[in-house]
């Protein structure tokens, strides 16, 4: 499962653009960013995000599930 950048940024307390930059520059160890052609792709690990934020993994998994269903916190 991949955590959307917008959701991860909200949990960390930063903007999505700042989080994208940090992933591209390897400044945070919660996932990775890779450039394919002209687009960046992002993978954010729920487990690493839980460790980084101190939030329970179950809560993050539920937030991701809700986000994908269109439920916004």
PDB file of N, CA and C in Angstrom:
ATOM      1  N   UNK A   1       0.847  -1.179   0.000  1.00  0.00           N
ATOM      2  CA  UNK A   1       0.000   0.000   0.000  1.00  0.00           C
ATOM      3  C   UNK A   1       0.890   1.238   0.000  1.00  0.00           C
ATOM      4  N   UNK A   2       0.522   2.198  -0.782  1.00  0.00           N
ATOM      5  CA  UNK A   2       1.251   3.451  -0.889  1.00  0.00           C
ATOM      6  C   UNK A   2       0.431   4.570  -0.250  1.00  0.00           C
ATOM      7  N   UNK A   3       1.082   5.405   0.529  1.00  0.00           N
ATOM      8  CA  UNK A   3       0.416   6.550   1.147  1.00  0.00           C
ATOM      9  C   UNK A   3       0.479   7.720   0.163  1.00  0.00           C
ATOM     10  N   UNK A   4      -0.653   8.321  -0.185  1.00  0.00           N
ATOM     11  CA  UNK A   4      -0.625   9.497  -1.071  1.00  0.00           C
ATOM     12  C   UNK A   4       0.183  10.642  -0.456  1.00  0.00           C
ATOM     13  N   UNK A   5       0.890  11.365  -1.303  1.00  0.00           N
ATOM     14  CA  UNK A   5       1.737  12.466  -0.834  1.00  0.00           C
ATOM     15  C   UNK A   5       0.928  13.491  -0.046  1.00  0.00           C
ATOM     16  N   UNK A   6      -0.259  13.831  -0.532  1.00  0.00           N
ATOM     17  CA  UNK A   6      -1.091  14.836   0.160  1.00  0.00           C
ATOM     18  C   UNK A   6      -1.409  14.398   1.591  1.00  0.00           C
ATOM     19  N   UNK A   7      -1.745  13.130   1.763  1.00  0.00           N
ATOM     20  CA  UNK A   7      -2.090  12.610   3.088  1.00  0.00           C
ATOM     21  C   UNK A   7      -0.860  12.563   3.991  1.00  0.00           C
ATOM     22  N   UNK A   8       0.259  12.085   3.466  1.00  0.00           N
ATOM     23  CA  UNK A   8       1.490  12.027   4.254  1.00  0.00           C
ATOM     24  C   UNK A   8       1.923  13.420   4.691  1.00  0.00           C
ATOM     25  N   UNK A   9       1.822  14.376   3.789  1.00  0.00           N
ATOM     26  CA  UNK A   9       2.206  15.752   4.123  1.00  0.00           C
ATOM     27  C   UNK A   9       1.345  16.300   5.252  1.00  0.00           C
ATOM     28  N   UNK A  10       0.057  16.017   5.194  1.00  0.00           N
ATOM     29  CA  UNK A  10      -0.849  16.484   6.243  1.00  0.00           C
ATOM     30  C   UNK A  10      -0.473  15.871   7.595  1.00  0.00           C
ATOM     31  N   UNK A  11      -0.141  14.586   7.607  1.00  0.00           N
ATOM     32  CA  UNK A  11       0.231  13.915   8.851  1.00  0.00           C
ATOM     33  C   UNK A  11       1.546  14.455   9.418  1.00  0.00           C
ATOM     34  N   UNK A  12       2.465  14.823   8.517  1.00  0.00           N
ATOM     35  CA  UNK A  12       3.756  15.354   8.953  1.00  0.00           C
ATOM     36  C   UNK A  12       3.643  16.822   9.357  1.00  0.00           C
ATOM     37  N   UNK A  13       2.699  17.520   8.762  1.00  0.00           N
ATOM     38  CA  UNK A  13       2.527  18.937   9.076  1.00  0.00           C
ATOM     39  C   UNK A  13       3.310  19.835   8.136  1.00  0.00           C
ATOM     40  N   UNK A  14       3.380  19.442   6.864  1.00  0.00           N
ATOM     41  CA  UNK A  14       4.083  20.235   5.866  1.00  0.00           C
ATOM     42  C   UNK A  14       3.249  20.264   4.591  1.00  0.00           C
ATOM     43  N   UNK A  15       3.723  20.987   3.614  1.00  0.00           N
ATOM     44  CA  UNK A  15       3.002  21.032   2.340  1.00  0.00           C
ATOM     45  C   UNK A  15       3.388  19.819   1.488  1.00  0.00           C
ATOM     46  N   UNK A  16       2.520  19.481   0.567  1.00  0.00           N
ATOM     47  CA  UNK A  16       2.805  18.371  -0.345  1.00  0.00           C
ATOM     48  C   UNK A  16       4.037  18.676  -1.187  1.00  0.00           C
ATOM     49  N   UNK A  17       4.196  19.916  -1.619  1.00  0.00           N
ATOM     50  CA  UNK A  17       5.375  20.292  -2.409  1.00  0.00           C
ATOM     51  C   UNK A  17       6.665  20.123  -1.607  1.00  0.00           C
ATOM     52  N   UNK A  18       6.637  20.509  -0.335  1.00  0.00           N
ATOM     53  CA  UNK A  18       7.819  20.347   0.513  1.00  0.00           C
ATOM     54  C   UNK A  18       8.163  18.877   0.704  1.00  0.00           C
ATOM     55  N   UNK A  19       7.151  18.056   0.881  1.00  0.00           N
ATOM     56  CA  UNK A  19       7.394  16.630   1.049  1.00  0.00           C
ATOM     57  C   UNK A  19       7.930  16.022  -0.249  1.00  0.00           C
ATOM     58  N   UNK A  20       7.377  16.421  -1.380  1.00  0.00           N
ATOM     59  CA  UNK A  20       7.893  15.927  -2.663  1.00  0.00           C
ATOM     60  C   UNK A  20       9.374  16.287  -2.820  1.00  0.00           C
ATOM     61  N   UNK A  21       9.726  17.522  -2.508  1.00  0.00           N
ATOM     62  CA  UNK A  21      11.114  17.964  -2.600  1.00  0.00           C
ATOM     63  C   UNK A  21      11.997  17.130  -1.673  1.00  0.00           C
ATOM     64  N   UNK A  22      11.540  16.922  -0.433  1.00  0.00           N
ATOM     65  CA  UNK A  22      12.324  16.156   0.538  1.00  0.00           C
ATOM     66  C   UNK A  22      12.528  14.712   0.073  1.00  0.00           C
ATOM     67  N   UNK A  23      11.518  14.114  -0.539  1.00  0.00           N
ATOM     68  CA  UNK A  23      11.659  12.764  -1.072  1.00  0.00           C
ATOM     69  C   UNK A  23      12.625  12.737  -2.260  1.00  0.00           C
ATOM     70  N   UNK A  24      12.532  13.734  -3.119  1.00  0.00           N
ATOM     71  CA  UNK A  24      13.430  13.797  -4.271  1.00  0.00           C
ATOM     72  C   UNK A  24      14.882  13.943  -3.839  1.00  0.00           C
ATOM     73  N   UNK A  25      15.127  14.707  -2.779  1.00  0.00           N
ATOM     74  CA  UNK A  25      16.481  14.968  -2.287  1.00  0.00           C
ATOM     75  C   UNK A  25      16.928  13.978  -1.215  1.00  0.00           C
ATOM     76  N   UNK A  26      16.087  12.971  -0.937  1.00  0.00           N
ATOM     77  CA  UNK A  26      16.362  11.939   0.070  1.00  0.00           C
ATOM     78  C   UNK A  26      16.604  12.538   1.456  1.00  0.00           C
ATOM     79  N   UNK A  27      15.794  13.531   1.807  1.00  0.00           N
ATOM     80  CA  UNK A  27      15.906  14.191   3.107  1.00  0.00           C
ATOM     81  C   UNK A  27      15.058  13.529   4.189  1.00  0.00           C
ATOM     82  N   UNK A  28      14.102  12.711   3.783  1.00  0.00           N
ATOM     83  CA  UNK A  28      13.266  11.966   4.731  1.00  0.00           C
ATOM     84  C   UNK A  28      13.303  10.491   4.350  1.00  0.00           C
ATOM     85  N   UNK A  29      13.295   9.637   5.362  1.00  0.00           N
ATOM     86  CA  UNK A  29      13.382   8.198   5.118  1.00  0.00           C
ATOM     87  C   UNK A  29      12.018   7.538   5.323  1.00  0.00           C
ATOM     88  N   UNK A  30      11.051   7.995   4.525  1.00  0.00           N
ATOM     89  CA  UNK A  30       9.715   7.389   4.613  1.00  0.00           C
ATOM     90  C   UNK A  30       9.312   6.752   3.291  1.00  0.00           C
ATOM     91  N   UNK A  31      10.167   6.864   2.294  1.00  0.00           N
ATOM     92  CA  UNK A  31       9.851   6.334   0.978  1.00  0.00           C
ATOM     93  C   UNK A  31      10.879   6.813  -0.026  1.00  0.00           C
ATOM     94  N   UNK A  32      10.456   6.887  -1.285  1.00  0.00           N
ATOM     95  CA  UNK A  32      11.377   7.302  -2.334  1.00  0.00           C
ATOM     96  C   UNK A  32      10.644   8.067  -3.428  1.00  0.00           C
ATOM     97  N   UNK A  33      11.461   8.729  -4.237  1.00  0.00           N
ATOM     98  CA  UNK A  33      10.966   9.431  -5.428  1.00  0.00           C
ATOM     99  C   UNK A  33      11.861   9.028  -6.587  1.00  0.00           C
ATOM    100  N   UNK A  34      11.248   8.816  -7.735  1.00  0.00           N
ATOM    101  CA  UNK A  34      11.999   8.458  -8.933  1.00  0.00           C
ATOM    102  C   UNK A  34      11.411   9.233 -10.106  1.00  0.00           C
ATOM    103  N   UNK A  35      12.293   9.709 -10.961  1.00  0.00           N
ATOM    104  CA  UNK A  35      11.836  10.468 -12.127  1.00  0.00           C
ATOM    105  C   UNK A  35      11.801   9.541 -13.332  1.00  0.00           C
ATOM    106  N   UNK A  36      10.611   9.414 -13.911  1.00  0.00           N
ATOM    107  CA  UNK A  36      10.425   8.625 -15.132  1.00  0.00           C
ATOM    108  C   UNK A  36       9.983   9.596 -16.219  1.00  0.00           C
ATOM    109  N   UNK A  37      10.805   9.698 -17.249  1.00  0.00           N
ATOM    110  CA  UNK A  37      10.577  10.680 -18.315  1.00  0.00           C
ATOM    111  C   UNK A  37      10.556  12.068 -17.683  1.00  0.00           C
ATOM    112  N   UNK A  38       9.435  12.733 -17.761  1.00  0.00           N
ATOM    113  CA  UNK A  38       9.337  14.088 -17.208  1.00  0.00           C
ATOM    114  C   UNK A  38       8.559  14.144 -15.895  1.00  0.00           C
ATOM    115  N   UNK A  39       8.097  12.988 -15.408  1.00  0.00           N
ATOM    116  CA  UNK A  39       7.255  12.963 -14.196  1.00  0.00           C
ATOM    117  C   UNK A  39       7.963  12.284 -13.041  1.00  0.00           C
ATOM    118  N   UNK A  40       7.701  12.791 -11.855  1.00  0.00           N
ATOM    119  CA  UNK A  40       8.196  12.151 -10.641  1.00  0.00           C
ATOM    120  C   UNK A  40       7.135  11.183 -10.131  1.00  0.00           C
ATOM    121  N   UNK A  41       7.591  10.047  -9.634  1.00  0.00           N
ATOM    122  CA  UNK A  41       6.707   9.072  -8.984  1.00  0.00           C
ATOM    123  C   UNK A  41       7.170   8.945  -7.533  1.00  0.00           C
ATOM    124  N   UNK A  42       6.208   8.752  -6.624  1.00  0.00           N
ATOM    125  CA  UNK A  42       6.513   8.712  -5.201  1.00  0.00           C
ATOM    126  C   UNK A  42       5.957   7.441  -4.569  1.00  0.00           C
ATOM    127  N   UNK A  43       6.721   6.866  -3.671  1.00  0.00           N
ATOM    128  CA  UNK A  43       6.279   5.720  -2.888  1.00  0.00           C
ATOM    129  C   UNK A  43       6.547   6.058  -1.439  1.00  0.00           C
ATOM    130  N   UNK A  44       5.481   6.101  -0.649  1.00  0.00           N
ATOM    131  CA  UNK A  44       5.605   6.379   0.780  1.00  0.00           C
ATOM    132  C   UNK A  44       5.101   5.158   1.529  1.00  0.00           C
ATOM    133  N   UNK A  45       5.952   4.609   2.358  1.00  0.00           N
ATOM    134  CA  UNK A  45       5.651   3.404   3.118  1.00  0.00           C
ATOM    135  C   UNK A  45       4.784   3.742   4.338  1.00  0.00           C
ATOM    136  N   UNK A  46       3.657   3.060   4.505  1.00  0.00           N
ATOM    137  CA  UNK A  46       2.835   3.292   5.700  1.00  0.00           C
ATOM    138  C   UNK A  46       3.606   3.024   6.992  1.00  0.00           C
ATOM    139  N   UNK A  47       4.412   1.960   7.010  1.00  0.00           N
ATOM    140  CA  UNK A  47       5.185   1.602   8.215  1.00  0.00           C
ATOM    141  C   UNK A  47       6.211   2.676   8.541  1.00  0.00           C
ATOM    142  N   UNK A  48       6.952   3.126   7.525  1.00  0.00           N
ATOM    143  CA  UNK A  48       7.959   4.164   7.760  1.00  0.00           C
ATOM    144  C   UNK A  48       7.313   5.482   8.166  1.00  0.00           C
ATOM    145  N   UNK A  49       6.145   5.786   7.576  1.00  0.00           N
ATOM    146  CA  UNK A  49       5.430   7.007   7.951  1.00  0.00           C
ATOM    147  C   UNK A  49       4.937   6.906   9.394  1.00  0.00           C
ATOM    148  N   UNK A  50       4.454   5.737   9.782  1.00  0.00           N
ATOM    149  CA  UNK A  50       4.011   5.527  11.169  1.00  0.00           C
ATOM    150  C   UNK A  50       5.178   5.723  12.132  1.00  0.00           C
ATOM    151  N   UNK A  51       6.324   5.157  11.803  1.00  0.00           N
ATOM    152  CA  UNK A  51       7.508   5.326  12.650  1.00  0.00           C
ATOM    153  C   UNK A  51       7.926   6.792  12.725  1.00  0.00           C
ATOM    154  N   UNK A  52       7.863   7.492  11.607  1.00  0.00           N
ATOM    155  CA  UNK A  52       8.284   8.893  11.534  1.00  0.00           C
ATOM    156  C   UNK A  52       7.356   9.813  12.332  1.00  0.00           C
ATOM    157  N   UNK A  53       6.050   9.567  12.226  1.00  0.00           N
ATOM    158  CA  UNK A  53       5.078  10.452  12.869  1.00  0.00           C
ATOM    159  C   UNK A  53       4.704  10.029  14.281  1.00  0.00           C
ATOM    160  N   UNK A  54       4.938   8.751  14.606  1.00  0.00           N
ATOM    161  CA  UNK A  54       4.507   8.244  15.911  1.00  0.00           C
ATOM    162  C   UNK A  54       3.055   7.808  15.923  1.00  0.00           C
ATOM    163  N   UNK A  55       2.400   7.891  14.776  1.00  0.00           N
ATOM    164  CA  UNK A  55       1.002   7.454  14.672  1.00  0.00           C
ATOM    165  C   UNK A  55       0.966   5.928  14.539  1.00  0.00           C
ATOM    166  N   UNK A  56      -0.074   5.276  15.070  1.00  0.00           N
ATOM    167  CA  UNK A  56      -0.189   3.827  14.901  1.00  0.00           C
ATOM    168  C   UNK A  56      -0.350   3.455  13.424  1.00  0.00           C
ATOM    169  N   UNK A  57       0.267   2.363  13.029  1.00  0.00           N
ATOM    170  CA  UNK A  57       0.183   1.893  11.651  1.00  0.00           C
ATOM    171  C   UNK A  57      -1.267   1.659  11.238  1.00  0.00           C
ATOM    172  N   UNK A  58      -2.068   1.136  12.136  1.00  0.00           N
ATOM    173  CA  UNK A  58      -3.479   0.876  11.825  1.00  0.00           C
ATOM    174  C   UNK A  58      -4.210   2.163  11.469  1.00  0.00           C
ATOM    175  N   UNK A  59      -3.885   3.248  12.172  1.00  0.00           N
ATOM    176  CA  UNK A  59      -4.522   4.538  11.883  1.00  0.00           C
ATOM    177  C   UNK A  59      -4.128   5.026  10.487  1.00  0.00           C
ATOM    178  N   UNK A  60      -2.865   4.894  10.150  1.00  0.00           N
ATOM    179  CA  UNK A  60      -2.410   5.332   8.833  1.00  0.00           C
ATOM    180  C   UNK A  60      -3.066   4.498   7.741  1.00  0.00           C
ATOM    181  N   UNK A  61      -3.130   3.188   7.938  1.00  0.00           N
ATOM    182  CA  UNK A  61      -3.788   2.328   6.951  1.00  0.00           C
ATOM    183  C   UNK A  61      -5.256   2.706   6.779  1.00  0.00           C
ATOM    184  N   UNK A  62      -5.933   3.033   7.867  1.00  0.00           N
ATOM    185  CA  UNK A  62      -7.333   3.435   7.784  1.00  0.00           C
ATOM    186  C   UNK A  62      -7.480   4.778   7.073  1.00  0.00           C
ATOM    187  N   UNK A  63      -6.582   5.717   7.369  1.00  0.00           N
ATOM    188  CA  UNK A  63      -6.623   7.018   6.691  1.00  0.00           C
ATOM    189  C   UNK A  63      -6.405   6.865   5.183  1.00  0.00           C
ATOM    190  N   UNK A  64      -5.499   5.965   4.798  1.00  0.00           N
ATOM    191  CA  UNK A  64      -5.259   5.725   3.371  1.00  0.00           C
ATOM    192  C   UNK A  64      -6.507   5.116   2.734  1.00  0.00           C
ATOM    193  N   UNK A  65      -7.104   4.141   3.405  1.00  0.00           N
ATOM    194  CA  UNK A  65      -8.327   3.518   2.874  1.00  0.00           C
ATOM    195  C   UNK A  65      -9.442   4.551   2.709  1.00  0.00           C
ATOM    196  N   UNK A  66      -9.619   5.394   3.725  1.00  0.00           N
ATOM    197  CA  UNK A  66     -10.639   6.444   3.658  1.00  0.00           C
ATOM    198  C   UNK A  66     -10.333   7.429   2.530  1.00  0.00           C
ATOM    199  N   UNK A  67      -9.062   7.817   2.395  1.00  0.00           N
ATOM    200  CA  UNK A  67      -8.638   8.751   1.353  1.00  0.00           C
ATOM    201  C   UNK A  67      -8.983   8.207  -0.023  1.00  0.00           C
ATOM    202  N   UNK A  68      -8.741   6.926  -0.219  1.00  0.00           N
ATOM    203  CA  UNK A  68      -9.027   6.308  -1.514  1.00  0.00           C
ATOM    204  C   UNK A  68     -10.514   6.206  -1.794  1.00  0.00           C
ATOM    205  N   UNK A  69     -11.319   6.158  -0.747  1.00  0.00           N
ATOM    206  CA  UNK A  69     -12.779   6.114  -0.911  1.00  0.00           C
ATOM    207  C   UNK A  69     -13.351   7.518  -1.106  1.00  0.00           C
ATOM    208  N   UNK A  70     -12.513   8.526  -0.957  1.00  0.00           N
ATOM    209  CA  UNK A  70     -12.976   9.901  -1.125  1.00  0.00           C
ATOM    210  C   UNK A  70     -13.344  10.577   0.169  1.00  0.00           C
ATOM    211  N   UNK A  71     -13.101   9.912   1.297  1.00  0.00           N
ATOM    212  CA  UNK A  71     -13.377  10.513   2.608  1.00  0.00           C
ATOM    213  C   UNK A  71     -12.153  11.325   3.001  1.00  0.00           C
ATOM    214  N   UNK A  72     -12.329  12.617   3.176  1.00  0.00           N
ATOM    215  CA  UNK A  72     -11.206  13.490   3.530  1.00  0.00           C
ATOM    216  C   UNK A  72     -11.339  13.892   4.993  1.00  0.00           C
ATOM    217  N   UNK A  73     -10.200  13.829   5.671  1.00  0.00           N
ATOM    218  CA  UNK A  73     -10.163  14.178   7.102  1.00  0.00           C
ATOM    219  C   UNK A  73     -10.164  15.681   7.280  1.00  0.00           C
TER     220      UNK A  73
END
